[in-house]
C-alpha cells in the first residue's frame, strides 16, 4: 500500500486543482465538455479540481487542450522561499 501524500503535496495538488477550475471557468466552460474533450469522467474531473485525485501527465495535457490553455498555466506554482537550512553560502 502506498504511503499517504505529504501535507505539502496535498496543498500543491489542491492549488493545481484550483488553477484548473479557474482556467475552465475563465474559458466559459462547464465541467462536462472539459471532461468529454479530455477523455475522463465528470466525477474524475471534479475530484481533480478539488485536489482529491492525482492526475497523470496525459490527463493534465488532455485537460489543458480541452480548456485551450498551455499546460504550464495549470501547474505553475508560486515560488517558495528556501528554508535557511537549504541556503548555500559560498565561503562560509
PDB file of N, CA and C in Angstrom:
ATOM      1  N   UNK A   1       0.847  -1.182   0.000  1.00  0.00           N
ATOM      2  CA  UNK A   1       0.000   0.000   0.000  1.00  0.00           C
ATOM      3  C   UNK A   1       0.892   1.246   0.000  1.00  0.00           C
ATOM      4  N   UNK A   2       0.649   2.200  -0.923  1.00  0.00           N
ATOM      5  CA  UNK A   2       1.494   3.401  -0.979  1.00  0.00           C
ATOM      6  C   UNK A   2       1.312   4.284   0.249  1.00  0.00           C
ATOM      7  N   UNK A   3       2.368   4.997   0.562  1.00  0.00           N
ATOM      8  CA  UNK A   3       2.325   5.925   1.696  1.00  0.00           C
ATOM      9  C   UNK A   3       1.400   7.093   1.362  1.00  0.00           C
ATOM     10  N   UNK A   4       0.725   7.662   2.360  1.00  0.00           N
ATOM     11  CA  UNK A   4      -0.128   8.818   2.102  1.00  0.00           C
ATOM     12  C   UNK A   4       0.703  10.009   1.636  1.00  0.00           C
ATOM     13  N   UNK A   5       0.116  10.887   0.801  1.00  0.00           N
ATOM     14  CA  UNK A   5       0.866  12.050   0.325  1.00  0.00           C
ATOM     15  C   UNK A   5       1.297  12.957   1.471  1.00  0.00           C
ATOM     16  N   UNK A   6       2.435  13.608   1.289  1.00  0.00           N
ATOM     17  CA  UNK A   6       2.929  14.573   2.262  1.00  0.00           C
ATOM     18  C   UNK A   6       1.987  15.780   2.292  1.00  0.00           C
ATOM     19  N   UNK A   7       1.846  16.465   3.441  1.00  0.00           N
ATOM     20  CA  UNK A   7       0.958  17.627   3.526  1.00  0.00           C
ATOM     21  C   UNK A   7       1.262  18.685   2.468  1.00  0.00           C
ATOM     22  N   UNK A   8       2.545  18.915   2.184  1.00  0.00           N
ATOM     23  CA  UNK A   8       2.911  19.903   1.176  1.00  0.00           C
ATOM     24  C   UNK A   8       2.381  19.493  -0.196  1.00  0.00           C
ATOM     25  N   UNK A   9       2.443  18.225  -0.499  1.00  0.00           N
ATOM     26  CA  UNK A   9       1.939  17.743  -1.790  1.00  0.00           C
ATOM     27  C   UNK A   9       0.427  17.879  -1.867  1.00  0.00           C
ATOM     28  N   UNK A  10      -0.251  17.657  -0.776  1.00  0.00           N
ATOM     29  CA  UNK A  10      -1.709  17.834  -0.768  1.00  0.00           C
ATOM     30  C   UNK A  10      -2.069  19.283  -1.084  1.00  0.00           C
ATOM     31  N   UNK A  11      -1.348  20.214  -0.469  1.00  0.00           N
ATOM     32  CA  UNK A  11      -1.602  21.632  -0.732  1.00  0.00           C
ATOM     33  C   UNK A  11      -1.312  21.983  -2.181  1.00  0.00           C
ATOM     34  N   UNK A  12      -0.245  21.447  -2.719  1.00  0.00           N
ATOM     35  CA  UNK A  12       0.126  21.716  -4.107  1.00  0.00           C
ATOM     36  C   UNK A  12      -0.895  21.107  -5.061  1.00  0.00           C
ATOM     37  N   UNK A  13      -1.370  19.898  -4.749  1.00  0.00           N
ATOM     38  CA  UNK A  13      -2.385  19.248  -5.581  1.00  0.00           C
ATOM     39  C   UNK A  13      -3.678  20.060  -5.572  1.00  0.00           C
ATOM     40  N   UNK A  14      -4.051  20.569  -4.413  1.00  0.00           N
ATOM     41  CA  UNK A  14      -5.252  21.417  -4.331  1.00  0.00           C
ATOM     42  C   UNK A  14      -5.077  22.701  -5.138  1.00  0.00           C
ATOM     43  N   UNK A  15      -3.882  23.276  -5.067  1.00  0.00           N
ATOM     44  CA  UNK A  15      -3.614  24.508  -5.822  1.00  0.00           C
ATOM     45  C   UNK A  15      -3.721  24.260  -7.325  1.00  0.00           C
ATOM     46  N   UNK A  16      -3.207  23.134  -7.795  1.00  0.00           N
ATOM     47  CA  UNK A  16      -3.325  22.799  -9.210  1.00  0.00           C
ATOM     48  C   UNK A  16      -4.795  22.610  -9.581  1.00  0.00           C
ATOM     49  N   UNK A  17      -5.536  21.939  -8.741  1.00  0.00           N
ATOM     50  CA  UNK A  17      -6.969  21.756  -8.988  1.00  0.00           C
ATOM     51  C   UNK A  17      -7.701  23.085  -9.075  1.00  0.00           C
ATOM     52  N   UNK A  18      -7.355  24.005  -8.188  1.00  0.00           N
ATOM     53  CA  UNK A  18      -7.972  25.337  -8.210  1.00  0.00           C
ATOM     54  C   UNK A  18      -7.610  26.080  -9.486  1.00  0.00           C
ATOM     55  N   UNK A  19      -6.375  25.915  -9.954  1.00  0.00           N
ATOM     56  CA  UNK A  19      -5.955  26.577 -11.194  1.00  0.00           C
ATOM     57  C   UNK A  19      -6.691  25.991 -12.392  1.00  0.00           C
ATOM     58  N   UNK A  20      -6.908  24.686 -12.388  1.00  0.00           N
ATOM     59  CA  UNK A  20      -7.675  24.052 -13.463  1.00  0.00           C
ATOM     60  C   UNK A  20      -9.093  24.607 -13.470  1.00  0.00           C
ATOM     61  N   UNK A  21      -9.701  24.654 -12.299  1.00  0.00           N
ATOM     62  CA  UNK A  21     -11.077  25.157 -12.199  1.00  0.00           C
ATOM     63  C   UNK A  21     -11.156  26.614 -12.654  1.00  0.00           C
ATOM     64  N   UNK A  22     -10.224  27.443 -12.213  1.00  0.00           N
ATOM     65  CA  UNK A  22     -10.229  28.863 -12.583  1.00  0.00           C
ATOM     66  C   UNK A  22     -10.058  29.035 -14.092  1.00  0.00           C
ATOM     67  N   UNK A  23      -9.163  28.257 -14.695  1.00  0.00           N
ATOM     68  CA  UNK A  23      -8.937  28.346 -16.143  1.00  0.00           C
ATOM     69  C   UNK A  23     -10.184  27.900 -16.902  1.00  0.00           C
ATOM     70  N   UNK A  24     -10.829  26.842 -16.419  1.00  0.00           N
ATOM     71  CA  UNK A  24     -12.050  26.340 -17.053  1.00  0.00           C
ATOM     72  C   UNK A  24     -13.159  27.379 -16.998  1.00  0.00           C
ATOM     73  N   UNK A  25     -13.348  27.985 -15.849  1.00  0.00           N
ATOM     74  CA  UNK A  25     -14.385  29.000 -15.686  1.00  0.00           C
ATOM     75  C   UNK A  25     -14.055  30.228 -16.522  1.00  0.00           C
ATOM     76  N   UNK A  26     -12.790  30.632 -16.535  1.00  0.00           N
ATOM     77  CA  UNK A  26     -12.361  31.779 -17.336  1.00  0.00           C
ATOM     78  C   UNK A  26     -12.641  31.540 -18.821  1.00  0.00           C
ATOM     79  N   UNK A  27     -12.507  30.292 -19.251  1.00  0.00           N
ATOM     80  CA  UNK A  27     -12.775  29.939 -20.649  1.00  0.00           C
ATOM     81  C   UNK A  27     -14.268  29.809 -20.929  1.00  0.00           C
ATOM     82  N   UNK A  28     -15.086  29.935 -19.882  1.00  0.00           N
ATOM     83  CA  UNK A  28     -16.534  29.857 -20.048  1.00  0.00           C
ATOM     84  C   UNK A  28     -17.035  28.442 -20.269  1.00  0.00           C
ATOM     85  N   UNK A  29     -16.315  27.459 -19.722  1.00  0.00           N
ATOM     86  CA  UNK A  29     -16.672  26.061 -19.924  1.00  0.00           C
ATOM     87  C   UNK A  29     -17.184  25.430 -18.634  1.00  0.00           C
ATOM     88  N   UNK A  30     -18.159  24.556 -18.784  1.00  0.00           N
ATOM     89  CA  UNK A  30     -18.600  23.758 -17.645  1.00  0.00           C
ATOM     90  C   UNK A  30     -17.715  22.514 -17.578  1.00  0.00           C
ATOM     91  N   UNK A  31     -17.864  21.745 -16.533  1.00  0.00           N
ATOM     92  CA  UNK A  31     -17.033  20.548 -16.380  1.00  0.00           C
ATOM     93  C   UNK A  31     -17.333  19.494 -17.443  1.00  0.00           C
ATOM     94  N   UNK A  32     -18.588  19.394 -17.866  1.00  0.00           N
ATOM     95  CA  UNK A  32     -18.981  18.340 -18.806  1.00  0.00           C
ATOM     96  C   UNK A  32     -18.175  18.354 -20.107  1.00  0.00           C
ATOM     97  N   UNK A  33     -18.117  19.475 -20.847  1.00  0.00           N
ATOM     98  CA  UNK A  33     -17.337  19.437 -22.093  1.00  0.00           C
ATOM     99  C   UNK A  33     -15.843  19.239 -21.871  1.00  0.00           C
ATOM    100  N   UNK A  34     -15.326  19.754 -20.768  1.00  0.00           N
ATOM    101  CA  UNK A  34     -13.899  19.571 -20.485  1.00  0.00           C
ATOM    102  C   UNK A  34     -13.612  18.092 -20.216  1.00  0.00           C
ATOM    103  N   UNK A  35     -14.464  17.455 -19.448  1.00  0.00           N
ATOM    104  CA  UNK A  35     -14.287  16.026 -19.170  1.00  0.00           C
ATOM    105  C   UNK A  35     -14.376  15.221 -20.467  1.00  0.00           C
ATOM    106  N   UNK A  36     -15.382  15.508 -21.282  1.00  0.00           N
ATOM    107  CA  UNK A  36     -15.548  14.773 -22.543  1.00  0.00           C
ATOM    108  C   UNK A  36     -14.355  14.971 -23.468  1.00  0.00           C
ATOM    109  N   UNK A  37     -13.918  16.213 -23.628  1.00  0.00           N
ATOM    110  CA  UNK A  37     -12.802  16.512 -24.538  1.00  0.00           C
ATOM    111  C   UNK A  37     -11.476  15.946 -24.049  1.00  0.00           C
ATOM    112  N   UNK A  38     -11.332  15.837 -22.737  1.00  0.00           N
ATOM    113  CA  UNK A  38     -10.065  15.332 -22.199  1.00  0.00           C
ATOM    114  C   UNK A  38     -10.086  13.822 -21.996  1.00  0.00           C
ATOM    115  N   UNK A  39     -11.234  13.193 -22.203  1.00  0.00           N
ATOM    116  CA  UNK A  39     -11.321  11.741 -22.114  1.00  0.00           C
ATOM    117  C   UNK A  39     -11.366  11.183 -20.707  1.00  0.00           C
ATOM    118  N   UNK A  40     -11.865  11.980 -19.762  1.00  0.00           N
ATOM    119  CA  UNK A  40     -12.003  11.500 -18.382  1.00  0.00           C
ATOM    120  C   UNK A  40     -13.448  11.649 -17.953  1.00  0.00           C
ATOM    121  N   UNK A  41     -13.797  11.009 -16.864  1.00  0.00           N
ATOM    122  CA  UNK A  41     -15.169  11.113 -16.368  1.00  0.00           C
ATOM    123  C   UNK A  41     -15.403  12.461 -15.696  1.00  0.00           C
ATOM    124  N   UNK A  42     -16.649  12.842 -15.655  1.00  0.00           N
ATOM    125  CA  UNK A  42     -17.037  14.074 -14.979  1.00  0.00           C
ATOM    126  C   UNK A  42     -16.659  14.007 -13.500  1.00  0.00           C
ATOM    127  N   UNK A  43     -16.871  12.846 -12.903  1.00  0.00           N
ATOM    128  CA  UNK A  43     -16.516  12.657 -11.493  1.00  0.00           C
ATOM    129  C   UNK A  43     -15.016  12.831 -11.268  1.00  0.00           C
ATOM    130  N   UNK A  44     -14.211  12.269 -12.171  1.00  0.00           N
ATOM    131  CA  UNK A  44     -12.760  12.380 -12.022  1.00  0.00           C
ATOM    132  C   UNK A  44     -12.303  13.831 -12.163  1.00  0.00           C
ATOM    133  N   UNK A  45     -12.874  14.562 -13.109  1.00  0.00           N
ATOM    134  CA  UNK A  45     -12.520  15.980 -13.252  1.00  0.00           C
ATOM    135  C   UNK A  45     -12.861  16.739 -11.967  1.00  0.00           C
ATOM    136  N   UNK A  46     -14.011  16.466 -11.394  1.00  0.00           N
ATOM    137  CA  UNK A  46     -14.383  17.112 -10.134  1.00  0.00           C
ATOM    138  C   UNK A  46     -13.399  16.798  -9.026  1.00  0.00           C
ATOM    139  N   UNK A  47     -12.975  15.541  -8.945  1.00  0.00           N
ATOM    140  CA  UNK A  47     -12.005  15.140  -7.918  1.00  0.00           C
ATOM    141  C   UNK A  47     -10.667  15.838  -8.138  1.00  0.00           C
ATOM    142  N   UNK A  48     -10.260  15.986  -9.403  1.00  0.00           N
ATOM    143  CA  UNK A  48      -9.006  16.680  -9.709  1.00  0.00           C
ATOM    144  C   UNK A  48      -9.115  18.136  -9.296  1.00  0.00           C
ATOM    145  N   UNK A  49     -10.225  18.783  -9.629  1.00  0.00           N
ATOM    146  CA  UNK A  49     -10.405  20.200  -9.285  1.00  0.00           C
ATOM    147  C   UNK A  49     -10.441  20.428  -7.778  1.00  0.00           C
ATOM    148  N   UNK A  50     -10.897  19.443  -7.031  1.00  0.00           N
ATOM    149  CA  UNK A  50     -10.943  19.570  -5.566  1.00  0.00           C
ATOM    150  C   UNK A  50      -9.647  19.112  -4.906  1.00  0.00           C
ATOM    151  N   UNK A  51      -8.680  18.651  -5.702  1.00  0.00           N
ATOM    152  CA  UNK A  51      -7.412  18.195  -5.154  1.00  0.00           C
ATOM    153  C   UNK A  51      -7.499  16.836  -4.514  1.00  0.00           C
ATOM    154  N   UNK A  52      -8.509  16.058  -4.862  1.00  0.00           N
ATOM    155  CA  UNK A  52      -8.705  14.736  -4.274  1.00  0.00           C
ATOM    156  C   UNK A  52      -8.151  13.617  -5.155  1.00  0.00           C
ATOM    157  N   UNK A  53      -7.627  13.951  -6.327  1.00  0.00           N
ATOM    158  CA  UNK A  53      -7.057  12.958  -7.232  1.00  0.00           C
ATOM    159  C   UNK A  53      -5.737  13.488  -7.776  1.00  0.00           C
ATOM    160  N   UNK A  54      -4.850  12.578  -8.088  1.00  0.00           N
ATOM    161  CA  UNK A  54      -3.558  12.934  -8.677  1.00  0.00           C
ATOM    162  C   UNK A  54      -3.592  12.576 -10.157  1.00  0.00           C
ATOM    163  N   UNK A  55      -3.818  13.555 -11.021  1.00  0.00           N
ATOM    164  CA  UNK A  55      -3.918  13.245 -12.443  1.00  0.00           C
ATOM    165  C   UNK A  55      -2.554  12.897 -13.044  1.00  0.00           C
ATOM    166  N   UNK A  56      -2.582  12.046 -14.059  1.00  0.00           N
ATOM    167  CA  UNK A  56      -1.354  11.734 -14.785  1.00  0.00           C
ATOM    168  C   UNK A  56      -1.006  12.911 -15.686  1.00  0.00           C
ATOM    169  N   UNK A  57       0.201  12.874 -16.218  1.00  0.00           N
ATOM    170  CA  UNK A  57       0.612  13.912 -17.160  1.00  0.00           C
ATOM    171  C   UNK A  57      -0.299  13.904 -18.377  1.00  0.00           C
ATOM    172  N   UNK A  58      -0.649  12.727 -18.887  1.00  0.00           N
ATOM    173  CA  UNK A  58      -1.548  12.650 -20.040  1.00  0.00           C
ATOM    174  C   UNK A  58      -2.902  13.279 -19.729  1.00  0.00           C
ATOM    175  N   UNK A  59      -3.405  13.058 -18.533  1.00  0.00           N
ATOM    176  CA  UNK A  59      -4.682  13.660 -18.143  1.00  0.00           C
ATOM    177  C   UNK A  59      -4.561  15.172 -18.071  1.00  0.00           C
ATOM    178  N   UNK A  60      -3.482  15.674 -17.482  1.00  0.00           N
ATOM    179  CA  UNK A  60      -3.272  17.120 -17.410  1.00  0.00           C
ATOM    180  C   UNK A  60      -3.157  17.731 -18.806  1.00  0.00           C
ATOM    181  N   UNK A  61      -2.460  17.041 -19.712  1.00  0.00           N
ATOM    182  CA  UNK A  61      -2.348  17.525 -21.091  1.00  0.00           C
ATOM    183  C   UNK A  61      -3.717  17.564 -21.759  1.00  0.00           C
ATOM    184  N   UNK A  62      -4.525  16.528 -21.526  1.00  0.00           N
ATOM    185  CA  UNK A  62      -5.874  16.495 -22.090  1.00  0.00           C
ATOM    186  C   UNK A  62      -6.750  17.612 -21.560  1.00  0.00           C
ATOM    187  N   UNK A  63      -6.652  17.888 -20.269  1.00  0.00           N
ATOM    188  CA  UNK A  63      -7.432  18.973 -19.662  1.00  0.00           C
ATOM    189  C   UNK A  63      -6.988  20.317 -20.233  1.00  0.00           C
ATOM    190  N   UNK A  64      -5.684  20.524 -20.329  1.00  0.00           N
ATOM    191  CA  UNK A  64      -5.163  21.782 -20.890  1.00  0.00           C
ATOM    192  C   UNK A  64      -5.657  21.972 -22.315  1.00  0.00           C
ATOM    193  N   UNK A  65      -5.591  20.918 -23.127  1.00  0.00           N
ATOM    194  CA  UNK A  65      -6.071  21.003 -24.508  1.00  0.00           C
ATOM    195  C   UNK A  65      -7.572  21.284 -24.551  1.00  0.00           C
ATOM    196  N   UNK A  66      -8.328  20.623 -23.675  1.00  0.00           N
ATOM    197  CA  UNK A  66      -9.786  20.806 -23.652  1.00  0.00           C
ATOM    198  C   UNK A  66     -10.167  22.238 -23.281  1.00  0.00           C
ATOM    199  N   UNK A  67      -9.388  22.845 -22.391  1.00  0.00           N
ATOM    200  CA  UNK A  67      -9.672  24.220 -21.966  1.00  0.00           C
ATOM    201  C   UNK A  67      -9.084  25.218 -22.962  1.00  0.00           C
ATOM    202  N   UNK A  68      -8.013  24.798 -23.654  1.00  0.00           N
ATOM    203  CA  UNK A  68      -7.367  25.683 -24.618  1.00  0.00           C
ATOM    204  C   UNK A  68      -6.307  26.573 -24.001  1.00  0.00           C
ATOM    205  N   UNK A  69      -5.603  26.018 -23.015  1.00  0.00           N
ATOM    206  CA  UNK A  69      -4.540  26.772 -22.346  1.00  0.00           C
ATOM    207  C   UNK A  69      -3.265  25.936 -22.335  1.00  0.00           C
ATOM    208  N   UNK A  70      -2.107  26.584 -22.174  1.00  0.00           N
ATOM    209  CA  UNK A  70      -0.874  25.804 -22.044  1.00  0.00           C
ATOM    210  C   UNK A  70      -0.856  25.033 -20.725  1.00  0.00           C
ATOM    211  N   UNK A  71      -0.244  23.864 -20.752  1.00  0.00           N
ATOM    212  CA  UNK A  71      -0.127  23.052 -19.544  1.00  0.00           C
ATOM    213  C   UNK A  71       0.494  23.844 -18.401  1.00  0.00           C
ATOM    214  N   UNK A  72       1.493  24.652 -18.721  1.00  0.00           N
ATOM    215  CA  UNK A  72       2.200  25.425 -17.684  1.00  0.00           C
ATOM    216  C   UNK A  72       1.245  26.300 -16.882  1.00  0.00           C
ATOM    217  N   UNK A  73       0.198  26.797 -17.508  1.00  0.00           N
ATOM    218  CA  UNK A  73      -0.765  27.645 -16.797  1.00  0.00           C
ATOM    219  C   UNK A  73      -1.464  26.867 -15.680  1.00  0.00           C
ATOM    220  N   UNK A  74      -1.678  25.589 -15.909  1.00  0.00           N
ATOM    221  CA  UNK A  74      -2.401  24.777 -14.928  1.00  0.00           C
ATOM    222  C   UNK A  74      -1.532  24.314 -13.770  1.00  0.00           C
ATOM    223  N   UNK A  75      -0.236  24.228 -13.997  1.00  0.00           N
ATOM    224  CA  UNK A  75       0.633  23.660 -12.958  1.00  0.00           C
ATOM    225  C   UNK A  75       1.653  24.632 -12.396  1.00  0.00           C
ATOM    226  N   UNK A  76       1.580  25.895 -12.796  1.00  0.00           N
ATOM    227  CA  UNK A  76       2.561  26.852 -12.278  1.00  0.00           C
ATOM    228  C   UNK A  76       2.377  27.031 -10.776  1.00  0.00           C
ATOM    229  N   UNK A  77       3.486  27.196 -10.112  1.00  0.00           N
ATOM    230  CA  UNK A  77       3.474  27.361  -8.665  1.00  0.00           C
ATOM    231  C   UNK A  77       4.077  28.701  -8.299  1.00  0.00           C
ATOM    232  N   UNK A  78       3.636  29.195  -7.169  1.00  0.00           N
ATOM    233  CA  UNK A  78       4.253  30.388  -6.608  1.00  0.00           C
ATOM    234  C   UNK A  78       5.626  29.988  -6.093  1.00  0.00           C
ATOM    235  N   UNK A  79       6.619  30.839  -6.286  1.00  0.00           N
ATOM    236  CA  UNK A  79       7.941  30.496  -5.734  1.00  0.00           C
ATOM    237  C   UNK A  79       7.857  30.344  -4.221  1.00  0.00           C
ATOM    238  N   UNK A  80       8.521  29.311  -3.740  1.00  0.00           N
ATOM    239  CA  UNK A  80       8.547  29.085  -2.290  1.00  0.00           C
ATOM    240  C   UNK A  80       9.917  29.456  -1.782  1.00  0.00           C
ATOM    241  N   UNK A  81       9.986  30.228  -0.709  1.00  0.00           N
ATOM    242  CA  UNK A  81      11.301  30.590  -0.173  1.00  0.00           C
ATOM    243  C   UNK A  81      12.018  29.352   0.340  1.00  0.00           C
ATOM    244  N   UNK A  82      13.308  29.331   0.120  1.00  0.00           N
ATOM    245  CA  UNK A  82      14.119  28.226   0.633  1.00  0.00           C
ATOM    246  C   UNK A  82      14.234  28.364   2.137  1.00  0.00           C
ATOM    247  N   UNK A  83      14.260  27.234   2.807  1.00  0.00           N
ATOM    248  CA  UNK A  83      14.475  27.314   4.252  1.00  0.00           C
ATOM    249  C   UNK A  83      15.941  27.665   4.485  1.00  0.00           C
ATOM    250  N   UNK A  84      16.225  28.197   5.633  1.00  0.00           N
ATOM    251  CA  UNK A  84      17.598  28.628   5.919  1.00  0.00           C
ATOM    252  C   UNK A  84      18.573  27.466   5.859  1.00  0.00           C
ATOM    253  N   UNK A  85      18.111  26.263   6.092  1.00  0.00           N
ATOM    254  CA  UNK A  85      18.977  25.100   6.011  1.00  0.00           C
ATOM    255  C   UNK A  85      19.336  24.740   4.579  1.00  0.00           C
ATOM    256  N   UNK A  86      18.561  25.241   3.602  1.00  0.00           N
ATOM    257  CA  UNK A  86      18.801  24.924   2.201  1.00  0.00           C
ATOM    258  C   UNK A  86      19.675  25.952   1.501  1.00  0.00           C
ATOM    259  N   UNK A  87      19.953  27.054   2.141  1.00  0.00           N
ATOM    260  CA  UNK A  87      20.687  28.137   1.501  1.00  0.00           C
ATOM    261  C   UNK A  87      22.170  27.809   1.500  1.00  0.00           C
ATOM    262  N   UNK A  88      22.779  27.917   0.338  1.00  0.00           N
ATOM    263  CA  UNK A  88      24.220  27.692   0.206  1.00  0.00           C
ATOM    264  C   UNK A  88      24.898  29.054   0.240  1.00  0.00           C
ATOM    265  N   UNK A  89      25.812  29.203   1.157  1.00  0.00           N
ATOM    266  CA  UNK A  89      26.553  30.464   1.290  1.00  0.00           C
ATOM    267  C   UNK A  89      28.016  30.193   0.992  1.00  0.00           C
ATOM    268  N   UNK A  90      28.449  30.575  -0.212  1.00  0.00           N
ATOM    269  CA  UNK A  90      29.866  30.325  -0.570  1.00  0.00           C
ATOM    270  C   UNK A  90      30.812  31.016   0.397  1.00  0.00           C
ATOM    271  N   UNK A  91      31.913  30.365   0.681  1.00  0.00           N
ATOM    272  CA  UNK A  91      32.946  30.964   1.522  1.00  0.00           C
ATOM    273  C   UNK A  91      32.659  30.904   2.998  1.00  0.00           C
ATOM    274  N   UNK A  92      31.649  30.206   3.420  1.00  0.00           N
ATOM    275  CA  UNK A  92      31.344  30.119   4.860  1.00  0.00           C
ATOM    276  C   UNK A  92      31.523  28.726   5.354  1.00  0.00           C
TER     277      UNK A  92
END
